[in-house]
Protein backbone atom coordinates (compact mmCIF):
# COMPACT_ATOMS: atom_id res chain seq x y z
CA MET A 1 123.89 -172.92 -90.12
CA GLN A 2 124.35 -173.40 -86.62
CA PRO A 3 122.00 -175.95 -84.96
CA VAL A 4 119.88 -175.00 -82.38
CA MET A 5 119.62 -176.01 -78.60
CA GLN A 6 117.22 -175.07 -76.06
CA VAL A 7 119.18 -173.54 -73.05
CA PRO A 8 116.59 -172.00 -70.74
CA LEU A 9 118.03 -169.26 -68.17
CA LEU A 10 116.43 -171.65 -65.11
CA ASP A 11 115.07 -174.70 -65.46
CA LEU A 12 113.12 -175.55 -61.75
CA ALA A 13 111.74 -178.73 -63.59
CA ALA A 14 115.63 -179.75 -63.40
CA GLN A 15 116.06 -179.23 -60.12
CA TYR A 16 112.84 -180.32 -59.03
CA ALA A 17 112.62 -183.79 -60.35
CA PRO A 18 115.35 -185.76 -57.82
CA ILE A 19 113.72 -184.23 -54.94
CA ARG A 20 109.71 -184.20 -56.08
CA ASP A 21 109.02 -187.13 -53.65
CA ALA A 22 110.61 -185.30 -50.63
CA VAL A 23 108.88 -182.54 -51.60
CA VAL A 24 105.54 -183.87 -52.03
CA GLU A 25 106.08 -185.70 -48.60
CA ALA A 26 106.59 -182.42 -46.87
CA VAL A 27 103.78 -180.61 -48.39
CA THR A 28 101.36 -183.55 -47.70
CA HIS A 29 102.64 -183.66 -43.95
CA VAL A 30 101.49 -179.75 -43.92
CA VAL A 31 98.25 -180.30 -45.35
CA ASP A 32 97.73 -183.35 -43.12
CA THR A 33 98.14 -181.22 -39.99
CA GLN A 34 96.12 -178.51 -41.58
CA LYS A 35 98.29 -175.95 -39.91
CA PHE A 36 99.07 -173.61 -43.07
CA ILE A 37 100.42 -170.15 -41.26
CA LEU A 38 103.45 -169.96 -39.44
CA GLY A 39 103.54 -172.79 -36.54
CA PRO A 40 106.01 -175.63 -36.31
CA GLU A 41 107.43 -176.13 -39.63
CA VAL A 42 107.81 -172.26 -39.86
CA GLU A 43 109.77 -172.41 -36.45
CA ALA A 44 111.80 -175.38 -37.76
CA PHE A 45 112.86 -173.95 -41.11
CA GLU A 46 113.90 -170.72 -39.06
CA ALA A 47 115.97 -172.54 -36.61
CA GLU A 48 117.78 -174.33 -39.74
CA VAL A 49 118.37 -171.36 -41.68
CA ALA A 50 119.38 -169.79 -38.44
CA ALA A 51 122.10 -172.22 -37.88
CA TYR A 52 122.93 -172.39 -41.92
CA LEU A 53 123.70 -168.73 -42.03
CA GLY A 54 125.25 -168.31 -38.29
CA ALA A 55 122.49 -166.11 -37.52
CA SER A 56 121.41 -165.09 -34.00
CA HIS A 57 117.85 -164.51 -35.16
CA ALA A 58 115.97 -165.75 -38.70
CA ILE A 59 112.24 -164.70 -38.95
CA GLY A 60 110.63 -166.06 -41.62
CA VAL A 61 108.03 -163.63 -43.59
CA SER A 62 105.73 -163.31 -46.73
CA SER A 63 108.42 -162.59 -49.23
CA GLY A 64 111.47 -160.64 -50.02
CA THR A 65 109.96 -157.36 -50.27
CA ASP A 66 108.13 -157.78 -46.84
CA ALA A 67 111.39 -158.42 -45.55
CA LEU A 68 112.87 -155.01 -46.06
CA LEU A 69 109.58 -153.47 -45.34
CA VAL A 70 109.11 -154.86 -41.89
CA ALA A 71 113.34 -154.46 -41.43
CA MET A 72 112.37 -150.83 -42.21
CA MET A 73 109.47 -150.34 -40.05
CA ALA A 74 111.23 -152.00 -36.91
CA LEU A 75 113.82 -148.93 -37.35
CA ASP A 76 110.15 -146.74 -37.39
CA LEU A 77 111.58 -145.17 -40.41
CA GLY A 78 108.88 -142.46 -41.72
CA PRO A 79 108.50 -138.72 -43.03
CA GLY A 80 111.46 -136.73 -42.66
CA ASP A 81 114.08 -139.77 -42.55
CA GLU A 82 116.22 -140.73 -45.63
CA VAL A 83 117.51 -144.02 -46.59
CA ILE A 84 120.76 -144.55 -48.85
CA VAL A 85 120.42 -146.74 -51.41
CA PRO A 86 121.89 -148.05 -54.85
CA THR A 87 119.89 -146.90 -57.96
CA TYR A 88 120.64 -150.26 -59.61
CA SER A 89 118.53 -152.95 -57.86
CA PHE A 90 115.59 -154.77 -57.72
CA PHE A 91 112.62 -152.09 -57.42
CA ALA A 92 111.81 -153.08 -53.56
CA THR A 93 115.05 -151.98 -52.50
CA ALA A 94 113.75 -148.39 -53.22
CA GLY A 95 110.11 -149.13 -53.23
CA CYS A 96 110.06 -150.42 -49.66
CA VAL A 97 111.97 -147.51 -48.16
CA SER A 98 109.04 -144.82 -49.79
CA ARG A 99 106.51 -147.15 -48.57
CA THR A 100 107.46 -146.33 -45.04
CA GLY A 101 107.27 -142.62 -45.61
CA ALA A 102 111.08 -142.18 -45.90
CA THR A 103 112.77 -140.56 -48.67
CA PRO A 104 115.32 -142.89 -50.52
CA VAL A 105 118.65 -141.42 -51.65
CA LEU A 106 119.80 -142.82 -54.82
CA VAL A 107 123.55 -143.54 -55.17
CA ASP A 108 125.50 -144.83 -58.22
CA ILE A 109 127.71 -148.18 -58.53
CA GLU A 110 131.15 -149.07 -58.59
CA PRO A 111 131.53 -150.92 -61.63
CA VAL A 112 133.22 -154.19 -60.79
CA SER A 113 130.46 -155.95 -58.81
CA CYS A 114 127.54 -153.22 -59.19
CA ASN A 115 127.21 -152.69 -55.72
CA LEU A 116 127.34 -149.78 -53.83
CA ASP A 117 130.03 -147.11 -53.97
CA ILE A 118 131.26 -146.36 -50.63
CA ASP A 119 132.49 -142.89 -51.83
CA ALA A 120 128.85 -142.29 -52.91
CA VAL A 121 127.26 -143.24 -49.86
CA ARG A 122 129.93 -141.24 -48.06
CA ARG A 123 128.49 -138.16 -49.56
CA ALA A 124 125.28 -138.93 -49.80
CA ILE A 125 125.29 -139.23 -45.53
CA THR A 126 123.44 -136.06 -44.14
CA SER A 127 121.88 -135.27 -40.56
CA ARG A 128 118.30 -137.11 -41.75
CA THR A 129 120.14 -140.13 -42.93
CA ARG A 130 118.86 -142.96 -40.79
CA ALA A 131 119.87 -146.16 -42.76
CA ILE A 132 121.87 -147.67 -45.53
CA VAL A 133 120.65 -150.56 -47.27
CA PRO A 134 123.52 -152.22 -49.41
CA VAL A 135 122.45 -154.62 -52.05
CA HIS A 136 124.47 -158.18 -52.58
CA LEU A 137 123.96 -157.82 -56.21
CA TYR A 138 123.97 -161.19 -58.23
CA GLY A 139 125.26 -163.35 -55.23
CA GLN A 140 128.22 -161.01 -54.42
CA ALA A 141 129.00 -159.18 -51.33
CA ALA A 142 128.81 -155.42 -51.41
CA ASP A 143 132.16 -153.79 -49.24
CA MET A 144 131.09 -154.20 -46.16
CA GLY A 145 133.72 -153.44 -44.09
CA PRO A 146 134.09 -149.70 -44.87
CA LEU A 147 130.08 -149.52 -45.19
CA VAL A 148 129.79 -150.68 -41.49
CA ALA A 149 132.31 -148.37 -40.40
CA LEU A 150 130.90 -145.42 -41.85
CA ALA A 151 127.31 -146.04 -40.71
CA SER A 152 128.58 -146.60 -37.06
CA GLU A 153 130.61 -143.42 -37.45
CA HIS A 154 127.62 -141.79 -38.37
CA GLY A 155 125.18 -143.61 -35.92
CA VAL A 156 123.28 -145.10 -38.81
CA GLU A 157 121.55 -148.71 -39.36
CA VAL A 158 122.62 -151.16 -42.01
CA ILE A 159 119.92 -153.37 -43.45
CA GLU A 160 121.60 -155.74 -45.87
CA ASP A 161 119.28 -156.57 -49.16
CA ALA A 162 120.66 -160.10 -49.00
CA ALA A 163 117.56 -161.13 -51.19
CA GLN A 164 120.06 -162.61 -54.06
CA ALA A 165 123.16 -163.81 -51.77
CA ILE A 166 122.01 -166.96 -49.71
CA GLY A 167 125.07 -169.17 -48.86
CA ALA A 168 127.45 -166.26 -50.38
CA THR A 169 129.90 -164.72 -47.66
CA LEU A 170 132.62 -162.12 -47.04
CA ASP A 171 136.02 -163.21 -45.53
CA GLY A 172 133.92 -166.33 -44.21
CA GLN A 173 131.07 -164.78 -42.57
CA ALA A 174 127.44 -165.32 -44.27
CA LEU A 175 125.86 -162.35 -45.82
CA GLY A 176 122.60 -161.13 -43.90
CA THR A 177 124.63 -161.05 -40.42
CA LEU A 178 126.55 -158.03 -41.04
CA GLY A 179 124.12 -155.13 -40.66
CA ARG A 180 121.15 -154.60 -38.23
CA PHE A 181 119.05 -156.64 -39.88
CA GLY A 182 119.58 -159.18 -43.27
CA CYS A 183 116.74 -159.57 -45.90
CA PHE A 184 116.39 -162.71 -47.83
CA SER A 185 114.09 -163.46 -50.55
CA PHE A 186 112.97 -167.21 -51.59
CA TYR A 187 111.22 -166.40 -54.87
CA PRO A 188 111.22 -169.40 -57.06
CA SER A 189 114.28 -168.33 -59.03
CA LYS A 190 116.05 -167.64 -56.47
CA ASN A 191 119.00 -170.13 -55.72
CA LEU A 192 117.12 -171.28 -52.42
CA GLY A 193 113.48 -170.81 -53.86
CA ALA A 194 110.25 -171.59 -52.41
CA ALA A 195 107.15 -172.75 -54.08
CA GLY A 196 105.82 -169.34 -54.30
CA ASP A 197 106.38 -166.12 -52.48
CA ALA A 198 108.75 -166.35 -49.00
CA GLY A 199 111.52 -164.28 -47.44
CA LEU A 200 113.34 -163.79 -43.92
CA VAL A 201 114.95 -161.38 -41.84
CA THR A 202 118.12 -161.80 -39.79
CA VAL A 203 118.61 -160.08 -36.72
CA LYS A 204 121.50 -159.50 -34.56
CA ASP A 205 119.70 -158.26 -31.31
CA ASP A 206 116.85 -159.81 -29.21
CA GLU A 207 114.99 -156.66 -29.02
CA MET A 208 114.40 -155.68 -33.15
CA ALA A 209 113.97 -159.65 -33.27
CA ALA A 210 111.10 -159.16 -31.10
CA ARG A 211 109.85 -156.39 -33.18
CA VAL A 212 109.90 -158.10 -36.37
CA ARG A 213 107.92 -160.88 -35.20
CA LEU A 214 105.53 -158.50 -33.39
CA LEU A 215 105.38 -156.09 -36.85
CA ARG A 216 104.42 -159.20 -39.11
CA VAL A 217 101.10 -160.20 -37.42
CA HIS A 218 99.90 -156.86 -37.84
CA GLY A 219 101.64 -155.83 -34.13
CA ALA A 220 99.65 -157.98 -32.09
CA GLN A 221 101.31 -160.55 -29.42
CA ARG A 222 97.45 -161.40 -28.73
CA THR A 223 94.77 -161.71 -31.20
CA TYR A 224 93.10 -158.69 -31.97
CA HIS A 225 95.19 -156.80 -29.38
CA HIS A 226 97.56 -154.35 -31.24
CA GLU A 227 100.45 -152.70 -29.74
CA LYS A 228 101.85 -151.80 -32.98
CA VAL A 229 100.80 -151.18 -36.60
CA GLY A 230 102.53 -154.12 -38.52
CA GLY A 231 101.01 -156.19 -41.40
CA ASN A 232 100.21 -159.56 -42.54
CA PHE A 233 104.10 -160.58 -43.30
CA ARG A 234 103.58 -164.29 -41.92
CA MET A 235 105.28 -167.21 -43.75
CA ALA A 236 103.20 -170.10 -44.90
CA ALA A 237 103.77 -173.55 -43.48
CA ILE A 238 103.86 -174.92 -47.02
CA GLN A 239 106.82 -172.62 -48.39
CA ALA A 240 108.44 -173.37 -44.68
CA ALA A 241 108.00 -177.36 -45.52
CA VAL A 242 109.43 -176.95 -49.54
CA LEU A 243 112.44 -174.65 -48.27
CA ARG A 244 113.62 -177.00 -45.63
CA VAL A 245 113.70 -179.54 -48.46
CA LYS A 246 115.82 -177.68 -50.81
CA LEU A 247 117.95 -176.09 -47.92
CA ARG A 248 119.47 -179.33 -47.23
CA HIS A 249 120.70 -179.21 -51.08
CA LEU A 250 121.93 -175.68 -50.99
CA GLU A 251 125.40 -176.04 -50.55
CA ALA A 252 125.46 -178.57 -53.16
CA TRP A 253 123.65 -176.22 -55.88
CA THR A 254 125.82 -173.49 -54.82
CA GLU A 255 129.19 -175.49 -55.81
CA ALA A 256 127.60 -176.67 -58.75
CA ARG A 257 126.62 -173.06 -60.00
CA ARG A 258 130.21 -171.90 -59.06
CA ARG A 259 131.70 -175.08 -60.85
CA ASN A 260 129.33 -173.52 -63.90
CA ALA A 261 130.86 -169.98 -63.52
CA ASP A 262 134.52 -171.31 -63.74
CA ARG A 263 133.47 -173.26 -66.93
CA TYR A 264 132.12 -170.44 -68.49
CA ARG A 265 135.37 -168.71 -67.83
CA ARG A 266 137.68 -171.63 -69.60
CA LEU A 267 134.99 -171.64 -72.82
CA PHE A 268 135.12 -167.87 -72.92
CA ALA A 269 138.85 -167.78 -73.00
CA ALA A 270 139.11 -170.74 -75.43
CA ILE A 271 136.07 -170.12 -77.49
CA ALA A 272 135.61 -166.18 -77.66
CA PRO A 273 138.45 -164.67 -76.68
CA ASP A 274 138.13 -161.82 -78.57
CA SER A 275 134.68 -160.91 -78.19
CA PRO A 276 133.62 -157.74 -76.50
CA VAL A 277 132.58 -159.31 -73.20
CA LEU A 278 133.38 -158.66 -69.90
CA LEU A 279 132.70 -161.57 -67.29
CA PRO A 280 131.97 -160.95 -64.13
CA VAL A 281 134.70 -161.02 -61.42
CA GLN A 282 134.80 -162.74 -57.87
CA LEU A 283 136.52 -160.15 -55.73
CA PRO A 284 138.84 -161.10 -52.96
CA GLY A 285 137.34 -162.42 -49.71
CA ARG A 286 134.35 -162.64 -51.16
CA ARG A 287 132.55 -166.16 -52.19
CA HIS A 288 129.81 -165.80 -54.55
CA ILE A 289 127.06 -167.65 -55.15
CA TYR A 290 125.81 -166.95 -58.67
CA ASN A 291 122.25 -165.63 -58.38
CA GLN A 292 122.92 -164.60 -61.67
CA PHE A 293 125.92 -164.99 -64.11
CA VAL A 294 126.07 -161.14 -65.45
CA ILE A 295 128.42 -160.22 -68.38
CA ARG A 296 128.79 -156.57 -69.88
CA ALA A 297 128.22 -156.89 -73.41
CA ALA A 298 129.07 -154.62 -76.65
CA ARG A 299 125.58 -154.20 -78.28
CA ARG A 300 123.59 -155.78 -75.56
CA ASP A 301 120.45 -155.76 -77.07
CA ALA A 302 121.39 -156.91 -80.10
CA LEU A 303 122.91 -159.87 -78.56
CA ARG A 304 120.35 -160.63 -76.26
CA ASP A 305 118.22 -160.62 -79.26
CA HIS A 306 120.41 -163.08 -81.23
CA LEU A 307 120.67 -165.57 -78.57
CA ARG A 308 116.97 -165.84 -78.03
CA SER A 309 116.38 -166.59 -81.24
CA HIS A 310 118.68 -169.07 -81.01
CA GLY A 311 117.20 -170.91 -78.06
CA VAL A 312 119.41 -169.27 -75.38
CA GLY A 313 117.44 -167.71 -72.59
CA CYS A 314 118.80 -164.79 -71.24
CA GLU A 315 117.64 -161.38 -69.28
CA VAL A 316 118.07 -158.02 -68.44
CA TYR A 317 118.74 -157.15 -64.72
CA TYR A 318 118.09 -154.38 -64.56
CA PRO A 319 117.40 -152.18 -67.77
CA VAL A 320 116.10 -148.78 -65.56
CA PRO A 321 118.14 -147.70 -62.70
CA PHE A 322 115.59 -146.36 -59.89
CA HIS A 323 116.81 -142.67 -60.64
CA LEU A 324 115.26 -142.68 -64.26
CA GLN A 325 112.05 -144.69 -63.01
CA PRO A 326 108.72 -142.35 -63.67
CA CYS A 327 107.87 -143.06 -59.74
CA PHE A 328 110.87 -141.74 -58.39
CA ALA A 329 111.13 -138.46 -60.78
CA TYR A 330 110.17 -136.48 -57.88
CA LEU A 331 113.26 -137.20 -56.17
CA GLY A 332 114.59 -134.61 -58.80
CA VAL A 333 117.81 -137.04 -60.11
CA PRO A 334 118.43 -136.24 -63.93
CA ALA A 335 119.76 -138.75 -66.36
CA GLY A 336 123.40 -138.31 -66.32
CA ALA A 337 123.94 -138.04 -62.64
CA LEU A 338 124.77 -141.75 -61.95
CA PRO A 339 126.73 -142.44 -65.12
CA GLU A 340 127.98 -146.37 -63.57
CA ALA A 341 124.48 -147.37 -63.16
CA GLU A 342 123.12 -146.32 -66.56
CA ARG A 343 126.10 -147.69 -68.07
CA ALA A 344 125.14 -151.51 -66.25
CA ALA A 345 121.39 -150.62 -67.42
CA ALA A 346 123.19 -150.31 -71.30
CA GLU A 347 125.56 -153.17 -71.22
CA THR A 348 124.35 -155.96 -68.65
CA LEU A 349 123.32 -159.09 -69.39
CA ALA A 350 122.40 -162.57 -67.52
CA LEU A 351 123.54 -165.71 -69.19
CA PRO A 352 122.09 -169.38 -67.73
CA ILE A 353 124.09 -170.40 -64.56
CA TYR A 354 121.43 -172.50 -62.86
CA SER A 355 123.54 -175.85 -61.18
CA GLU A 356 121.74 -178.46 -63.47
CA LEU A 357 123.44 -176.61 -66.67
CA ASP A 358 126.06 -179.13 -68.44
CA GLU A 359 128.85 -178.73 -70.31
CA ALA A 360 127.30 -178.95 -73.94
CA GLN A 361 124.69 -176.21 -72.92
CA GLN A 362 127.09 -173.75 -71.87
CA GLN A 363 129.71 -174.61 -74.66
CA TYR A 364 126.61 -173.74 -77.06
CA VAL A 365 125.88 -170.38 -75.24
CA VAL A 366 129.27 -169.39 -75.59
CA GLU A 367 129.54 -170.78 -79.36
CA THR A 368 126.38 -168.56 -79.90
CA ILE A 369 127.87 -165.61 -78.63
CA ALA A 370 131.16 -165.81 -80.49
CA ALA A 371 129.16 -166.47 -83.31
CA PHE A 372 127.15 -163.48 -83.09
CA TYR A 373 130.12 -161.18 -82.85
CA ALA A 374 132.10 -162.78 -85.39
CA LYS A 375 129.27 -161.46 -87.97
CA ALA A 376 130.04 -157.89 -86.92
């Protein structure tokens, strides 16, 4: 019987151990200053991450979800407006559209990257379309060139959902800087993760940047004087302090993930060449940062259970497309209408890819997959 090795889907403790002293020092500094909300720590992080991304403006907010929501609020989206989103993503992509009162228009994905299908977007545009939200799923760019051109042709805004894609690029340009807005998540499991919830909005122009900054503090430039109805979207200083420490390591962590992705490809070719598994493809001109390493697998659910029973962490991102979620039943999109998303929901499985993963762990993962299919 194959010995069991524990390979978690993500090991944050392994990431934390070598930077512990720097993180503790940074958090202690915030506690000593007693400046916990916004303030100089957040401003310093905003400047550093803007420089990293090459963004005109970077605005720290309370979560990736709130980054999407405040960007949509800055555009004054509301009832009667339509926003095109992929049906296959984390819930916030479509959920934030609904929270503004606008209608999410759900479109299918293309099967290679699981990102927006540009032809589907083209067919979905109407006179009521106000925005398109491409998601750079799993850390690889959507096809932004044609999408931005299409949006410009129709006078439609582009809000990039780059929650999984900090450090990813398209033709050398950072994702999150290609549309009117870029929205990032620093949930702890992300490649750049905070010690809780935090997010970022990148903005091209000064006017919209000022609007986002206003909206994140309940629409008030002066305390208790409200120009707009905004929200409490403020970034906590402790989160900014942790992110500043981690940002210095992000490139090294990203390159380690990319090396691990290449190693998976070599190991699958050597150990499991006949297994009915499709590995993720890095498309031309893209720098994939592998927030997730997502395979497509025959008998996916049985494989998932087999891996977990043998100590290998894995997860399905995402098991139910938006058009099949009960909360979006009112949109009237029937099962079978968006087949690529439904196929991805039935076949995709994320394997461990974190930067501290070693070769022995990856070999065990691939051997465990090969053993599963050998028994079939």
